[in-house]
Amino acid sequence: MPLHPNNDNEPLVKIRGLRFYRGDRAIFDGIDIDIPKGSITAIMGPSGTGKTTLLKLIGGQLRPDAGTIHVNGQDVHKLNNKELYKLRMRMGMLFQSGALLTDINVFENIAYPLREHTKLPESIIRKLVLMKLEAVGLRGARDLMPSELSGGMARRAALARAIVLDPEMVLYDEPFTGQDPISMGVLIQLIPRLNKASRLTSIIVSHDVEETANIADIIYVISNGKVIAGGPSEQVANSGSPWVRQFMDGQADGPVPFHFPAKPLETDILGN
């Protein structure tokens, strides 16, 4: 169900008829999704529904079995290696693990993309790194090693690295997983603030319902390879769909059954 909150603006990411299989299992079975420019769009659903896979498809790390993904008008999976590399330069990625390099300090972790992808002088790199660390509240931690950071600090350092090249779009892979309440609260404030200040478009994949719904402009809920709900966050949060309600309310049983399909218990026990 494509969404056009502003018909004057083409979505930054436009997904049409996306199909992706692992073996015989359909991870995505013909989904349509629009990611408007400047929005925080959440892709939500139970574990195993392919949320991280969708980020890899958007970034061109995986190829769909059918359908198209356009980013800023470019068909991702028709780009050659050089074009795809340039496109990825405009995307920042916050990995679920943070993925900081463990043998260099925080400053050098943030500086790494600048040194790899630009020819900027060290004086400019220093200023850019300090500005990004200031934005996430970690300028004073620049000399610490990743092993000296708390989980929340490591996630924020990874976010500074994700935005150091001033991307158009940041992809967040389960940003709230494993965070204590204070660290989670910091991220909940930080993501929309950065989105607005840097004029970013953010895509958050998550199964943390309350935290994600609080900051998302638009929510898509995916289950069994289909988009079962999509629209403004308040509209989706108040949906009467049994599928959506089960996920949003954390119900153990419903359209997604508690029991994995199996033969009757007595048949299994008696061996008949």
Protein backbone atom coordinates (compact mmCIF):
# COMPACT_ATOMS: atom_id res chain seq x y z
CA MET A 1 0.00 0.00 0.00
CA PRO A 2 2.01 2.99 -1.23
CA LEU A 3 1.69 6.20 0.69
CA HIS A 4 1.92 9.72 -0.71
CA PRO A 5 1.73 12.21 2.19
CA ASN A 6 2.77 14.99 -0.20
CA ASN A 7 1.92 14.48 -3.85
CA ASP A 8 4.28 17.29 -4.85
CA ASN A 9 7.29 15.28 -3.71
CA GLU A 10 8.37 11.92 -5.06
CA PRO A 11 9.29 9.54 -2.20
CA LEU A 12 13.01 9.22 -1.52
CA VAL A 13 12.55 5.43 -1.49
CA LYS A 14 9.85 3.82 -3.63
CA ILE A 15 9.33 0.06 -3.41
CA ARG A 16 6.95 -1.65 -5.82
CA GLY A 17 5.95 -5.30 -6.11
CA LEU A 18 8.94 -6.46 -4.06
CA ARG A 19 9.34 -10.22 -3.84
CA PHE A 20 12.19 -11.94 -2.06
CA TYR A 21 12.50 -15.62 -1.20
CA ARG A 22 14.76 -17.76 0.94
CA GLY A 23 14.32 -21.18 -0.54
CA ASP A 24 10.59 -21.75 -0.87
CA ARG A 25 9.72 -19.23 1.85
CA ALA A 26 8.48 -15.80 0.74
CA ILE A 27 10.10 -13.14 2.95
CA PHE A 28 8.36 -10.43 0.88
CA ASP A 29 5.45 -11.32 -1.35
CA GLY A 30 4.72 -8.29 -3.51
CA ILE A 31 5.02 -5.37 -1.07
CA ASP A 32 4.71 -1.65 -1.90
CA ILE A 33 6.29 0.95 0.41
CA ASP A 34 6.99 4.69 0.11
CA ILE A 35 9.58 6.47 2.27
CA PRO A 36 8.89 10.22 2.05
CA LYS A 37 11.78 12.66 2.08
CA GLY A 38 12.48 14.14 5.50
CA SER A 39 10.36 11.59 7.32
CA ILE A 40 11.05 9.09 10.06
CA THR A 41 9.50 5.92 8.66
CA ALA A 42 9.28 2.79 10.80
CA ILE A 43 9.20 -0.72 9.38
CA MET A 44 7.79 -2.92 12.11
CA GLY A 45 6.72 -6.49 12.59
CA PRO A 46 7.47 -9.67 14.53
CA SER A 47 10.95 -11.17 14.56
CA GLY A 48 11.78 -13.05 11.39
CA THR A 49 9.60 -10.93 9.09
CA GLY A 50 12.58 -9.64 7.10
CA LYS A 51 13.01 -6.12 8.46
CA THR A 52 16.82 -6.18 8.32
CA THR A 53 16.61 -7.95 4.96
CA LEU A 54 14.63 -4.97 3.66
CA LEU A 55 17.47 -2.61 4.62
CA LYS A 56 19.93 -4.82 2.74
CA LEU A 57 17.68 -4.76 -0.32
CA ILE A 58 17.45 -0.96 -0.18
CA GLY A 59 21.24 -0.74 0.07
CA GLY A 60 21.76 -3.15 -2.82
CA GLN A 61 23.46 -5.81 -0.69
CA LEU A 62 20.73 -8.26 -1.71
CA ARG A 63 18.81 -8.56 -4.98
CA PRO A 64 15.03 -9.07 -5.12
CA ASP A 65 13.44 -11.96 -6.98
CA ALA A 66 10.94 -9.51 -8.46
CA GLY A 67 9.88 -5.90 -8.13
CA THR A 68 11.83 -2.66 -7.93
CA ILE A 69 13.42 -0.38 -5.36
CA HIS A 70 14.07 3.21 -6.41
CA VAL A 71 16.17 5.51 -4.23
CA ASN A 72 16.00 9.14 -5.27
CA GLY A 73 14.75 8.03 -8.68
CA GLN A 74 17.50 5.44 -9.24
CA ASP A 75 16.64 1.77 -9.67
CA VAL A 76 19.03 0.32 -7.08
CA HIS A 77 19.37 -3.08 -8.70
CA LYS A 78 20.13 -1.72 -12.17
CA LEU A 79 23.13 0.31 -10.99
CA ASN A 80 26.64 -0.79 -11.82
CA ASN A 81 29.21 -1.16 -9.04
CA LYS A 82 30.48 2.42 -9.33
CA GLU A 83 26.96 3.88 -9.28
CA LEU A 84 25.93 1.67 -6.37
CA TYR A 85 29.02 2.75 -4.43
CA LYS A 86 28.10 6.42 -4.96
CA LEU A 87 24.54 5.74 -3.81
CA ARG A 88 25.70 4.00 -0.65
CA MET A 89 27.85 7.05 0.16
CA ARG A 90 24.57 8.93 0.60
CA MET A 91 23.28 6.37 3.10
CA GLY A 92 24.30 6.09 6.74
CA MET A 93 23.80 2.80 8.55
CA LEU A 94 23.42 2.24 12.27
CA PHE A 95 23.99 -1.47 12.79
CA GLN A 96 22.23 -3.30 15.61
CA SER A 97 25.61 -4.24 17.11
CA GLY A 98 27.08 -0.76 16.64
CA ALA A 99 30.01 -2.39 14.79
CA LEU A 100 32.65 -0.02 16.12
CA LEU A 101 36.23 -0.97 15.30
CA THR A 102 37.57 -2.28 18.59
CA ASP A 103 41.28 -1.45 18.17
CA ILE A 104 40.91 2.32 17.62
CA ASN A 105 39.38 5.00 19.83
CA VAL A 106 36.06 6.79 19.38
CA PHE A 107 37.55 9.73 17.49
CA GLU A 108 39.30 7.45 15.01
CA ASN A 109 36.12 5.37 14.54
CA ILE A 110 34.20 8.49 13.51
CA ALA A 111 37.07 9.77 11.35
CA TYR A 112 37.46 6.45 9.53
CA PRO A 113 34.77 7.01 6.83
CA LEU A 114 36.14 10.50 6.13
CA ARG A 115 39.65 9.16 5.66
CA GLU A 116 38.44 6.30 3.49
CA HIS A 117 36.08 8.23 1.23
CA THR A 118 37.36 11.81 1.11
CA LYS A 119 40.63 13.70 0.61
CA LEU A 120 39.89 16.27 3.29
CA PRO A 121 42.83 17.68 5.28
CA GLU A 122 43.24 16.51 8.86
CA SER A 123 42.22 19.92 10.22
CA ILE A 124 38.80 19.66 8.53
CA ILE A 125 38.39 15.99 9.53
CA ARG A 126 39.05 16.94 13.17
CA LYS A 127 36.39 19.66 13.08
CA LEU A 128 33.82 17.42 11.42
CA VAL A 129 34.41 14.57 13.88
CA LEU A 130 34.13 16.87 16.89
CA MET A 131 30.91 18.38 15.50
CA LYS A 132 29.31 14.95 15.01
CA LEU A 133 30.42 13.80 18.46
CA GLU A 134 28.97 16.99 19.95
CA ALA A 135 25.68 16.25 18.18
CA VAL A 136 25.42 12.88 19.97
CA GLY A 137 26.78 14.16 23.29
CA LEU A 138 30.11 12.32 23.18
CA ARG A 139 32.73 14.97 22.37
CA GLY A 140 34.24 14.39 25.81
CA ALA A 141 34.54 10.66 25.13
CA ARG A 142 36.57 10.99 21.93
CA ASP A 143 39.72 9.41 23.39
CA LEU A 144 37.97 6.38 24.91
CA MET A 145 38.22 2.93 23.38
CA PRO A 146 35.00 1.12 22.39
CA SER A 147 35.52 -1.34 25.27
CA GLU A 148 35.30 1.60 27.70
CA LEU A 149 31.88 2.71 26.45
CA SER A 150 28.53 1.69 27.87
CA GLY A 151 26.07 0.09 25.47
CA GLY A 152 24.19 3.35 25.03
CA MET A 153 27.36 5.34 24.42
CA ALA A 154 28.56 2.80 21.86
CA ARG A 155 25.25 3.11 19.99
CA ARG A 156 25.56 6.91 19.97
CA ALA A 157 29.17 6.73 18.76
CA ALA A 158 28.04 4.45 15.96
CA LEU A 159 25.34 6.99 15.10
CA ALA A 160 27.95 9.75 14.89
CA ARG A 161 29.91 7.60 12.45
CA ALA A 162 26.75 6.93 10.41
CA ILE A 163 26.16 10.67 9.88
CA VAL A 164 29.75 11.88 9.53
CA LEU A 165 29.55 11.93 5.70
CA ASP A 166 26.32 13.95 5.86
CA PRO A 167 24.12 11.32 4.18
CA GLU A 168 20.64 11.94 2.81
CA MET A 169 19.27 8.91 4.60
CA VAL A 170 20.07 6.92 7.74
CA LEU A 171 19.02 3.29 8.12
CA TYR A 172 18.55 2.15 11.73
CA ASP A 173 18.64 -1.58 12.42
CA GLU A 174 16.90 -2.20 15.78
CA PRO A 175 18.39 0.90 17.44
CA PHE A 176 16.66 0.33 20.81
CA THR A 177 17.53 -3.34 21.30
CA GLY A 178 19.50 -4.02 24.47
CA GLN A 179 19.37 -0.43 25.73
CA ASP A 180 18.67 0.51 29.34
CA PRO A 181 15.81 2.99 29.92
CA ILE A 182 18.12 6.04 30.11
CA SER A 183 20.05 5.13 26.94
CA MET A 184 16.79 4.38 25.16
CA GLY A 185 15.40 7.75 26.23
CA VAL A 186 18.50 9.48 24.85
CA LEU A 187 18.12 7.73 21.48
CA ILE A 188 14.40 8.51 21.32
CA GLN A 189 15.23 12.21 21.64
CA LEU A 190 18.36 12.09 19.49
CA ILE A 191 16.98 10.43 16.35
CA PRO A 192 14.24 12.99 15.58
CA ARG A 193 16.50 15.88 16.59
CA LEU A 194 19.21 14.77 14.14
CA ASN A 195 16.61 14.04 11.49
CA LYS A 196 15.34 17.62 11.66
CA ALA A 197 18.67 19.39 12.16
CA SER A 198 20.44 17.53 9.35
CA ARG A 199 17.39 17.27 7.07
CA LEU A 200 17.69 13.51 7.00
CA THR A 201 15.30 10.81 5.95
CA SER A 202 15.31 8.01 8.50
CA ILE A 203 14.21 4.40 8.18
CA ILE A 204 13.91 2.50 11.44
CA VAL A 205 13.35 -1.24 11.49
CA SER A 206 12.25 -2.35 14.93
CA HIS A 207 9.95 -4.54 16.98
CA ASP A 208 10.08 -2.10 19.91
CA VAL A 209 6.54 -0.83 19.46
CA GLU A 210 6.11 2.01 21.95
CA GLU A 211 9.53 3.58 21.47
CA THR A 212 9.38 3.49 17.68
CA ALA A 213 5.77 4.63 17.37
CA ASN A 214 6.56 7.66 19.56
CA ILE A 215 9.05 9.10 17.05
CA ALA A 216 7.85 7.74 13.69
CA ASP A 217 5.91 9.89 11.25
CA ILE A 218 4.84 6.84 9.25
CA ILE A 219 4.62 3.16 10.19
CA TYR A 220 4.46 0.08 8.01
CA VAL A 221 3.70 -3.24 9.71
CA ILE A 222 4.86 -6.36 7.88
CA SER A 223 3.73 -9.92 8.56
CA ASN A 224 3.83 -13.11 6.48
CA GLY A 225 5.49 -11.32 3.59
CA LYS A 226 2.77 -8.65 3.27
CA VAL A 227 2.28 -5.07 4.40
CA ILE A 228 -0.70 -5.44 6.71
CA ALA A 229 -0.88 -1.76 7.68
CA GLY A 230 0.72 1.47 6.55
CA GLY A 231 0.11 5.14 7.21
CA PRO A 232 0.64 7.94 9.72
CA SER A 233 1.83 6.53 13.03
CA GLU A 234 -1.29 7.53 14.98
CA GLN A 235 -3.53 5.89 12.39
CA VAL A 236 -1.61 2.61 12.49
CA ALA A 237 -1.32 2.67 16.29
CA ASN A 238 -5.12 2.90 16.52
CA SER A 239 -5.84 0.30 13.82
CA GLY A 240 -8.63 -2.17 14.49
CA SER A 241 -7.00 -4.91 12.40
CA PRO A 242 -6.54 -8.10 14.48
CA TRP A 243 -3.09 -8.59 12.92
CA VAL A 244 -1.98 -5.07 13.81
CA ARG A 245 -3.54 -5.16 17.27
CA GLN A 246 -1.79 -8.42 18.11
CA PHE A 247 1.59 -6.90 17.27
CA MET A 248 1.04 -3.42 18.71
CA ASP A 249 -0.47 -4.78 21.95
CA GLY A 250 1.95 -7.69 22.32
CA GLN A 251 -0.74 -10.37 22.39
CA ALA A 252 0.68 -13.89 22.61
CA ASP A 253 -1.99 -15.50 20.43
CA GLY A 254 -4.07 -14.28 17.53
CA PRO A 255 -3.66 -14.25 13.74
CA VAL A 256 -0.03 -15.16 14.46
CA PRO A 257 -0.64 -18.36 16.46
CA PHE A 258 1.14 -19.21 19.67
CA HIS A 259 1.60 -22.84 18.59
CA PHE A 260 3.83 -23.65 15.63
CA PRO A 261 1.89 -25.94 13.22
CA ALA A 262 2.06 -29.58 14.36
CA LYS A 263 0.05 -32.78 14.41
CA PRO A 264 -2.36 -33.22 17.38
CA LEU A 265 -0.60 -33.73 20.72
CA GLU A 266 -2.22 -37.12 21.40
CA THR A 267 -1.08 -38.37 18.00
CA ASP A 268 2.47 -37.26 18.74
CA ILE A 269 2.46 -38.84 22.23
CA LEU A 270 0.91 -42.14 21.21
CA GLY A 271 2.93 -42.35 18.01
CA ASN A 272 -0.10 -43.12 15.83
